C-alpha cells in the first residue's frame, strides 16, 4: 500500500537557488518511510529494540524537476516486496496537482547492529507490510569505479553525521559526492538521474575522500574511506536556464 504525506518544502531544505537539496530529499524519504513503518511496528525504534536496523544498499533516482522552497508537495513511499537477501521500496515526490516530480527505487538490507551482519528478511518479520516474498525488485545498475578521477576532496566524518543505526546517515554521501563539483556548477545544473551504491560502511572519525570525474553532463563518483571503496555514484545533469533557476 502506498503511503502519502502532504508536506511544504521549507527554505531550510533548499540550496541557495531555492531548490530542494539532495541531502534534504533523502531525509524526507527516511521520514516518510519511518512514519509508515512505525505505524506497522517496523520503524526505527521498533527495530532498535530488536537490535536491528534498515540499511540501504542502492538508490535509483529520476528527476523531472526539483521542488522549490514554499511549494506544497506530496511525499509517497511503498514497500515493493522482498527476497532472502533484500527488501525493495519506492519513493516519490508529487506536486499538489499530483504530477510526478521525482521517483526513486531503492534496495535495502536488514542489519544486526551488534554483529554488523545482514539478517535475512522473513515473511514473519515483515508480515505487517503484507508484501510479496521472493520479489526481485527493480533492477538497479551496478556501478564500477573508474581507474582514475579528475578531482579529489577530503571530509572528516563527524559525530553529527551519525544516525540511530550508529553509522553515517546516508544523506551525507550526497553532500560528499556533489560538493567537489563546485558552487558554480551546482548553481547552474540540476540532476536528471542519479544512481548511488553503498558498498562499505564509513566509520566515525575517518577521513573520507570524494573522487569525481565530470564529462559531457555525466559525473562519476567514488567515496573512499580507510583505503576502501565505500560508495559509488553516477549523475546525469542538465543545465538550468537562468530565468528558471532564479
C-alpha atoms as a PDB file:
ATOM      1  CA  UNK A   1       0.000   0.000   0.000  1.00  0.00           C
ATOM      2  CA  UNK A   2       1.307   3.449  -0.930  1.00  0.00           C
ATOM      3  CA  UNK A   3       1.752   5.863   1.965  1.00  0.00           C
ATOM      4  CA  UNK A   4       1.267   9.602   1.330  1.00  0.00           C
ATOM      5  CA  UNK A   5       2.256  12.670   3.324  1.00  0.00           C
ATOM      6  CA  UNK A   6       1.454  16.296   2.475  1.00  0.00           C
ATOM      7  CA  UNK A   7       4.499  18.495   3.037  1.00  0.00           C
ATOM      8  CA  UNK A   8       5.528  22.075   2.390  1.00  0.00           C
ATOM      9  CA  UNK A   9       9.143  22.402   1.273  1.00  0.00           C
ATOM     10  CA  UNK A  10      10.913  24.502   3.887  1.00  0.00           C
ATOM     11  CA  UNK A  11      13.588  27.009   2.947  1.00  0.00           C
ATOM     12  CA  UNK A  12      15.959  25.202   5.312  1.00  0.00           C
ATOM     13  CA  UNK A  13      15.545  22.204   2.937  1.00  0.00           C
ATOM     14  CA  UNK A  14      16.818  24.230  -0.024  1.00  0.00           C
ATOM     15  CA  UNK A  15      20.067  25.315  -1.661  1.00  0.00           C
ATOM     16  CA  UNK A  16      20.938  28.934  -2.439  1.00  0.00           C
ATOM     17  CA  UNK A  17      18.851  28.718  -5.613  1.00  0.00           C
ATOM     18  CA  UNK A  18      15.772  27.791  -3.571  1.00  0.00           C
ATOM     19  CA  UNK A  19      15.693  24.160  -4.808  1.00  0.00           C
ATOM     20  CA  UNK A  20      15.299  21.111  -2.604  1.00  0.00           C
ATOM     21  CA  UNK A  21      18.765  19.806  -1.685  1.00  0.00           C
ATOM     22  CA  UNK A  22      19.516  16.153  -2.389  1.00  0.00           C
ATOM     23  CA  UNK A  23      20.556  15.622   1.233  1.00  0.00           C
ATOM     24  CA  UNK A  24      17.238  17.093   2.404  1.00  0.00           C
ATOM     25  CA  UNK A  25      15.356  14.886  -0.068  1.00  0.00           C
ATOM     26  CA  UNK A  26      16.985  11.811   1.495  1.00  0.00           C
ATOM     27  CA  UNK A  27      15.982  12.931   4.983  1.00  0.00           C
ATOM     28  CA  UNK A  28      12.385  13.454   3.839  1.00  0.00           C
ATOM     29  CA  UNK A  29      12.355  10.000   2.263  1.00  0.00           C
ATOM     30  CA  UNK A  30      13.576   8.466   5.513  1.00  0.00           C
ATOM     31  CA  UNK A  31      10.975  10.446   7.446  1.00  0.00           C
ATOM     32  CA  UNK A  32       8.020   9.303   5.349  1.00  0.00           C
ATOM     33  CA  UNK A  33       9.137   5.660   5.249  1.00  0.00           C
ATOM     34  CA  UNK A  34       9.674   5.611   9.014  1.00  0.00           C
ATOM     35  CA  UNK A  35       6.197   7.056   9.541  1.00  0.00           C
ATOM     36  CA  UNK A  36       4.713   4.195   7.532  1.00  0.00           C
ATOM     37  CA  UNK A  37       6.893   1.534   9.140  1.00  0.00           C
ATOM     38  CA  UNK A  38       6.360   2.824  12.687  1.00  0.00           C
ATOM     39  CA  UNK A  39       2.617   2.521  12.205  1.00  0.00           C
ATOM     40  CA  UNK A  40       3.199  -1.162  11.464  1.00  0.00           C
ATOM     41  CA  UNK A  41       5.670  -1.861  14.269  1.00  0.00           C
ATOM     42  CA  UNK A  42       8.649  -1.965  11.874  1.00  0.00           C
ATOM     43  CA  UNK A  43      10.083   1.532  12.337  1.00  0.00           C
ATOM     44  CA  UNK A  44      13.498   2.581  13.562  1.00  0.00           C
ATOM     45  CA  UNK A  45      12.517   2.454  17.244  1.00  0.00           C
ATOM     46  CA  UNK A  46      10.870  -0.960  16.839  1.00  0.00           C
ATOM     47  CA  UNK A  47      13.902  -2.395  15.056  1.00  0.00           C
ATOM     48  CA  UNK A  48      16.352  -0.924  17.574  1.00  0.00           C
ATOM     49  CA  UNK A  49      14.507  -2.810  20.309  1.00  0.00           C
ATOM     50  CA  UNK A  50      15.392  -5.989  18.374  1.00  0.00           C
ATOM     51  CA  UNK A  51      18.963  -4.799  17.731  1.00  0.00           C
ATOM     52  CA  UNK A  52      18.133  -4.451  14.027  1.00  0.00           C
ATOM     53  CA  UNK A  53      18.403  -1.619  11.518  1.00  0.00           C
ATOM     54  CA  UNK A  54      17.284  -0.820   7.981  1.00  0.00           C
ATOM     55  CA  UNK A  55      20.307  -0.144   5.736  1.00  0.00           C
ATOM     56  CA  UNK A  56      20.059   0.997   2.119  1.00  0.00           C
ATOM     57  CA  UNK A  57      22.403  -0.531  -0.482  1.00  0.00           C
ATOM     58  CA  UNK A  58      21.271   1.167  -3.722  1.00  0.00           C
ATOM     59  CA  UNK A  59      19.212   4.110  -4.937  1.00  0.00           C
ATOM     60  CA  UNK A  60      17.977   4.970  -8.425  1.00  0.00           C
ATOM     61  CA  UNK A  61      16.506   8.475  -8.882  1.00  0.00           C
ATOM     62  CA  UNK A  62      14.716  10.083 -11.830  1.00  0.00           C
ATOM     63  CA  UNK A  63      14.042  13.831 -11.680  1.00  0.00           C
ATOM     64  CA  UNK A  64      11.504  15.811 -13.682  1.00  0.00           C
ATOM     65  CA  UNK A  65      12.378  18.841 -11.573  1.00  0.00           C
ATOM     66  CA  UNK A  66      13.373  19.725  -8.022  1.00  0.00           C
ATOM     67  CA  UNK A  67      10.618  21.278  -5.885  1.00  0.00           C
ATOM     68  CA  UNK A  68      11.250  24.748  -4.518  1.00  0.00           C
ATOM     69  CA  UNK A  69      11.024  26.402  -1.137  1.00  0.00           C
ATOM     70  CA  UNK A  70       7.447  27.066  -0.054  1.00  0.00           C
ATOM     71  CA  UNK A  71       5.991  24.567  -2.529  1.00  0.00           C
ATOM     72  CA  UNK A  72       3.319  22.137  -1.371  1.00  0.00           C
ATOM     73  CA  UNK A  73       4.197  18.562  -2.343  1.00  0.00           C
ATOM     74  CA  UNK A  74       3.076  15.019  -1.628  1.00  0.00           C
ATOM     75  CA  UNK A  75       5.734  12.588  -0.384  1.00  0.00           C
ATOM     76  CA  UNK A  76       4.997   8.939  -1.160  1.00  0.00           C
ATOM     77  CA  UNK A  77       6.540   5.602  -0.298  1.00  0.00           C
ATOM     78  CA  UNK A  78       5.638   1.973  -0.865  1.00  0.00           C
ATOM     79  CA  UNK A  79       7.219  -1.348   0.079  1.00  0.00           C
ATOM     80  CA  UNK A  80       7.540  -3.424  -3.109  1.00  0.00           C
ATOM     81  CA  UNK A  81       8.492  -6.861  -1.763  1.00  0.00           C
ATOM     82  CA  UNK A  82      11.473  -8.829  -0.530  1.00  0.00           C
ATOM     83  CA  UNK A  83      13.558 -11.937  -1.083  1.00  0.00           C
ATOM     84  CA  UNK A  84      16.048 -13.844   1.063  1.00  0.00           C
ATOM     85  CA  UNK A  85      18.608 -11.038   0.793  1.00  0.00           C
ATOM     86  CA  UNK A  86      16.957  -7.698   0.016  1.00  0.00           C
ATOM     87  CA  UNK A  87      13.886  -5.554   0.627  1.00  0.00           C
ATOM     88  CA  UNK A  88      12.635  -3.138  -2.036  1.00  0.00           C
ATOM     89  CA  UNK A  89      10.993   0.244  -1.543  1.00  0.00           C
ATOM     90  CA  UNK A  90       9.869   3.030  -3.886  1.00  0.00           C
ATOM     91  CA  UNK A  91       9.596   6.732  -3.096  1.00  0.00           C
ATOM     92  CA  UNK A  92       8.066   9.664  -4.909  1.00  0.00           C
ATOM     93  CA  UNK A  93       7.546  13.398  -4.784  1.00  0.00           C
ATOM     94  CA  UNK A  94       4.463  14.849  -6.476  1.00  0.00           C
ATOM     95  CA  UNK A  95       3.284  18.433  -6.842  1.00  0.00           C
ATOM     96  CA  UNK A  96      -0.079  19.459  -5.377  1.00  0.00           C
ATOM     97  CA  UNK A  97      -1.764  18.561  -8.683  1.00  0.00           C
ATOM     98  CA  UNK A  98      -0.402  15.013  -8.435  1.00  0.00           C
ATOM     99  CA  UNK A  99       2.220  15.416 -11.169  1.00  0.00           C
ATOM    100  CA  UNK A 100       5.369  13.360 -10.554  1.00  0.00           C
ATOM    101  CA  UNK A 101       8.467  15.420  -9.765  1.00  0.00           C
ATOM    102  CA  UNK A 102      10.831  12.704  -8.509  1.00  0.00           C
ATOM    103  CA  UNK A 103      10.726   8.905  -8.496  1.00  0.00           C
ATOM    104  CA  UNK A 104      13.090   6.676  -6.534  1.00  0.00           C
ATOM    105  CA  UNK A 105      13.694   2.926  -6.447  1.00  0.00           C
ATOM    106  CA  UNK A 106      15.730   1.537  -3.578  1.00  0.00           C
ATOM    107  CA  UNK A 107      17.177  -1.711  -2.252  1.00  0.00           C
ATOM    108  CA  UNK A 108      17.673  -2.424   1.472  1.00  0.00           C
ATOM    109  CA  UNK A 109      19.088  -4.996   3.851  1.00  0.00           C
ATOM    110  CA  UNK A 110      18.249  -5.670   7.490  1.00  0.00           C
ATOM    111  CA  UNK A 111      21.335  -5.390   9.668  1.00  0.00           C
ATOM    112  CA  UNK A 112      22.123  -6.946  13.039  1.00  0.00           C
ATOM    113  CA  UNK A 113      23.509  -3.807  14.707  1.00  0.00           C
ATOM    114  CA  UNK A 114      25.610  -5.703  17.243  1.00  0.00           C
ATOM    115  CA  UNK A 115      27.288  -8.141  14.894  1.00  0.00           C
ATOM    116  CA  UNK A 116      27.126  -5.745  11.896  1.00  0.00           C
ATOM    117  CA  UNK A 117      25.873  -8.625   9.744  1.00  0.00           C
ATOM    118  CA  UNK A 118      22.923  -8.956   7.377  1.00  0.00           C
ATOM    119  CA  UNK A 119      19.782 -10.647   8.674  1.00  0.00           C
ATOM    120  CA  UNK A 120      17.611 -12.461   6.138  1.00  0.00           C
ATOM    121  CA  UNK A 121      14.157 -10.871   5.702  1.00  0.00           C
ATOM    122  CA  UNK A 122      11.380 -13.291   6.632  1.00  0.00           C
ATOM    123  CA  UNK A 123       7.645 -13.342   5.999  1.00  0.00           C
ATOM    124  CA  UNK A 124       7.134 -13.492   9.765  1.00  0.00           C
ATOM    125  CA  UNK A 125       9.226 -10.387  10.481  1.00  0.00           C
ATOM    126  CA  UNK A 126       7.706  -8.358   7.635  1.00  0.00           C
ATOM    127  CA  UNK A 127       4.130  -9.669   7.932  1.00  0.00           C
ATOM    128  CA  UNK A 128       2.628  -6.236   8.814  1.00  0.00           C
ATOM    129  CA  UNK A 129       3.708  -4.911   5.402  1.00  0.00           C
ATOM    130  CA  UNK A 130       1.625  -7.556   3.629  1.00  0.00           C
ATOM    131  CA  UNK A 131       4.112  -7.584   0.778  1.00  0.00           C
ATOM    132  CA  UNK A 132       5.125 -10.335  -1.597  1.00  0.00           C
ATOM    133  CA  UNK A 133       8.022 -12.681  -0.828  1.00  0.00           C
ATOM    134  CA  UNK A 134      10.515 -13.801  -3.459  1.00  0.00           C
ATOM    135  CA  UNK A 135      10.427 -10.434  -5.270  1.00  0.00           C
ATOM    136  CA  UNK A 136      13.454  -9.406  -7.319  1.00  0.00           C
ATOM    137  CA  UNK A 137      12.619  -5.695  -7.319  1.00  0.00           C
ATOM    138  CA  UNK A 138      13.608  -3.017  -9.828  1.00  0.00           C
ATOM    139  CA  UNK A 139      16.972  -3.895 -11.323  1.00  0.00           C
ATOM    140  CA  UNK A 140      19.404  -1.087 -10.493  1.00  0.00           C
ATOM    141  CA  UNK A 141      22.622  -0.932 -12.470  1.00  0.00           C
ATOM    142  CA  UNK A 142      25.739  -1.912 -10.535  1.00  0.00           C
ATOM    143  CA  UNK A 143      28.456   0.711 -10.765  1.00  0.00           C
ATOM    144  CA  UNK A 144      32.183   0.163 -11.134  1.00  0.00           C
ATOM    145  CA  UNK A 145      34.959   2.524 -10.036  1.00  0.00           C
ATOM    146  CA  UNK A 146      36.979   4.374 -12.665  1.00  0.00           C
ATOM    147  CA  UNK A 147      40.740   3.745 -12.969  1.00  0.00           C
ATOM    148  CA  UNK A 148      41.318   7.415 -12.099  1.00  0.00           C
ATOM    149  CA  UNK A 149      39.393  10.586 -11.354  1.00  0.00           C
ATOM    150  CA  UNK A 150      39.941  14.274 -12.116  1.00  0.00           C
ATOM    151  CA  UNK A 151      39.282  15.805  -8.686  1.00  0.00           C
ATOM    152  CA  UNK A 152      39.563  14.789  -5.039  1.00  0.00           C
ATOM    153  CA  UNK A 153      38.207  16.363  -1.860  1.00  0.00           C
ATOM    154  CA  UNK A 154      38.579  15.168   1.731  1.00  0.00           C
ATOM    155  CA  UNK A 155      35.972  15.307   4.508  1.00  0.00           C
ATOM    156  CA  UNK A 156      36.045  14.308   8.183  1.00  0.00           C
ATOM    157  CA  UNK A 157      33.244  12.073   9.478  1.00  0.00           C
ATOM    158  CA  UNK A 158      31.796  13.958  12.443  1.00  0.00           C
ATOM    159  CA  UNK A 159      29.542  12.916  15.313  1.00  0.00           C
ATOM    160  CA  UNK A 160      26.739  14.938  13.705  1.00  0.00           C
ATOM    161  CA  UNK A 161      26.979  12.675  10.633  1.00  0.00           C
ATOM    162  CA  UNK A 162      25.885   9.559  12.564  1.00  0.00           C
ATOM    163  CA  UNK A 163      22.348   8.174  12.803  1.00  0.00           C
ATOM    164  CA  UNK A 164      20.495   5.886  15.212  1.00  0.00           C
ATOM    165  CA  UNK A 165      21.923   2.796  13.480  1.00  0.00           C
ATOM    166  CA  UNK A 166      25.326   4.046  14.725  1.00  0.00           C
ATOM    167  CA  UNK A 167      26.644   4.552  11.213  1.00  0.00           C
ATOM    168  CA  UNK A 168      26.847   7.511   8.858  1.00  0.00           C
ATOM    169  CA  UNK A 169      23.485   8.908   7.778  1.00  0.00           C
ATOM    170  CA  UNK A 170      23.410   8.235   4.037  1.00  0.00           C
ATOM    171  CA  UNK A 171      22.270  11.819   3.327  1.00  0.00           C
ATOM    172  CA  UNK A 172      25.914  12.793   3.936  1.00  0.00           C
ATOM    173  CA  UNK A 173      27.069  10.821   0.910  1.00  0.00           C
ATOM    174  CA  UNK A 174      25.031  13.099  -1.352  1.00  0.00           C
ATOM    175  CA  UNK A 175      26.898  16.094   0.078  1.00  0.00           C
ATOM    176  CA  UNK A 176      30.277  14.404  -0.316  1.00  0.00           C
ATOM    177  CA  UNK A 177      29.737  13.357  -3.938  1.00  0.00           C
ATOM    178  CA  UNK A 178      28.300  16.657  -5.198  1.00  0.00           C
ATOM    179  CA  UNK A 179      30.394  19.179  -3.248  1.00  0.00           C
ATOM    180  CA  UNK A 180      33.593  18.684  -5.324  1.00  0.00           C
ATOM    181  CA  UNK A 181      31.684  19.778  -8.452  1.00  0.00           C
ATOM    182  CA  UNK A 182      31.795  23.321  -7.124  1.00  0.00           C
ATOM    183  CA  UNK A 183      29.382  26.124  -6.408  1.00  0.00           C
ATOM    184  CA  UNK A 184      29.139  27.493  -9.948  1.00  0.00           C
ATOM    185  CA  UNK A 185      28.354  24.110 -11.492  1.00  0.00           C
ATOM    186  CA  UNK A 186      25.780  23.212  -8.842  1.00  0.00           C
ATOM    187  CA  UNK A 187      24.038  26.571  -9.156  1.00  0.00           C
ATOM    188  CA  UNK A 188      23.758  26.157 -12.928  1.00  0.00           C
ATOM    189  CA  UNK A 189      22.749  22.483 -13.115  1.00  0.00           C
ATOM    190  CA  UNK A 190      20.099  20.073 -11.824  1.00  0.00           C
ATOM    191  CA  UNK A 191      20.175  16.258 -11.797  1.00  0.00           C
ATOM    192  CA  UNK A 192      18.202  14.304 -14.387  1.00  0.00           C
ATOM    193  CA  UNK A 193      19.061  10.876 -12.993  1.00  0.00           C
ATOM    194  CA  UNK A 194      21.201   9.594 -10.150  1.00  0.00           C
ATOM    195  CA  UNK A 195      22.499   6.189  -9.104  1.00  0.00           C
ATOM    196  CA  UNK A 196      24.020   5.658  -5.658  1.00  0.00           C
ATOM    197  CA  UNK A 197      25.564   2.402  -4.478  1.00  0.00           C
ATOM    198  CA  UNK A 198      26.770   1.752  -0.912  1.00  0.00           C
ATOM    199  CA  UNK A 199      29.493  -0.886  -0.560  1.00  0.00           C
ATOM    200  CA  UNK A 200      31.313  -0.382   2.738  1.00  0.00           C
ATOM    201  CA  UNK A 201      30.429   1.399   5.971  1.00  0.00           C
ATOM    202  CA  UNK A 202      32.179   4.664   6.755  1.00  0.00           C
ATOM    203  CA  UNK A 203      33.225   4.967  10.391  1.00  0.00           C
ATOM    204  CA  UNK A 204      33.161   7.889  12.814  1.00  0.00           C
ATOM    205  CA  UNK A 205      36.417   9.879  12.862  1.00  0.00           C
ATOM    206  CA  UNK A 206      37.618   8.652   9.470  1.00  0.00           C
ATOM    207  CA  UNK A 207      38.706  10.913   6.646  1.00  0.00           C
ATOM    208  CA  UNK A 208      36.586  10.376   3.550  1.00  0.00           C
ATOM    209  CA  UNK A 209      37.939  11.050   0.079  1.00  0.00           C
ATOM    210  CA  UNK A 210      35.409  12.066  -2.565  1.00  0.00           C
ATOM    211  CA  UNK A 211      36.669  11.431  -6.100  1.00  0.00           C
ATOM    212  CA  UNK A 212      34.896  12.800  -9.173  1.00  0.00           C
ATOM    213  CA  UNK A 213      35.168  12.989 -12.952  1.00  0.00           C
ATOM    214  CA  UNK A 214      32.797  15.215 -14.934  1.00  0.00           C
ATOM    215  CA  UNK A 215      32.412  14.959 -18.702  1.00  0.00           C
ATOM    216  CA  UNK A 216      29.579  15.936 -21.067  1.00  0.00           C
ATOM    217  CA  UNK A 217      26.993  16.318 -18.328  1.00  0.00           C
ATOM    218  CA  UNK A 218      27.829  13.000 -16.641  1.00  0.00           C
ATOM    219  CA  UNK A 219      29.589  12.949 -13.272  1.00  0.00           C
ATOM    220  CA  UNK A 220      31.059   9.729 -11.867  1.00  0.00           C
ATOM    221  CA  UNK A 221      31.950   9.487  -8.208  1.00  0.00           C
ATOM    222  CA  UNK A 222      33.709   7.278  -5.695  1.00  0.00           C
ATOM    223  CA  UNK A 223      33.772   7.696  -1.920  1.00  0.00           C
ATOM    224  CA  UNK A 224      36.822   6.103  -0.290  1.00  0.00           C
ATOM    225  CA  UNK A 225      37.463   5.583   3.425  1.00  0.00           C
ATOM    226  CA  UNK A 226      40.313   3.694   5.118  1.00  0.00           C
ATOM    227  CA  UNK A 227      41.622   2.852   1.642  1.00  0.00           C
ATOM    228  CA  UNK A 228      38.404   1.025   0.701  1.00  0.00           C
ATOM    229  CA  UNK A 229      35.604   1.812  -1.748  1.00  0.00           C
ATOM    230  CA  UNK A 230      32.645   2.922   0.364  1.00  0.00           C
ATOM    231  CA  UNK A 231      30.221   4.196  -2.264  1.00  0.00           C
ATOM    232  CA  UNK A 232      29.859   4.888  -5.972  1.00  0.00           C
ATOM    233  CA  UNK A 233      27.568   7.324  -7.732  1.00  0.00           C
ATOM    234  CA  UNK A 234      26.681   8.367 -11.257  1.00  0.00           C
ATOM    235  CA  UNK A 235      24.713  11.542 -12.016  1.00  0.00           C
ATOM    236  CA  UNK A 236      23.367  12.895 -15.299  1.00  0.00           C
ATOM    237  CA  UNK A 237      22.983  16.689 -15.192  1.00  0.00           C
ATOM    238  CA  UNK A 238      21.120  19.274 -17.214  1.00  0.00           C
ATOM    239  CA  UNK A 239      21.965  22.947 -17.413  1.00  0.00           C
ATOM    240  CA  UNK A 240      19.260  25.146 -15.907  1.00  0.00           C
ATOM    241  CA  UNK A 241      18.050  28.270 -17.655  1.00  0.00           C
ATOM    242  CA  UNK A 242      18.902  31.355 -15.607  1.00  0.00           C
ATOM    243  CA  UNK A 243      15.323  32.575 -15.528  1.00  0.00           C
ATOM    244  CA  UNK A 244      14.032  29.130 -14.489  1.00  0.00           C
ATOM    245  CA  UNK A 245      16.616  28.965 -11.713  1.00  0.00           C
ATOM    246  CA  UNK A 246      16.041  32.390 -10.281  1.00  0.00           C
END
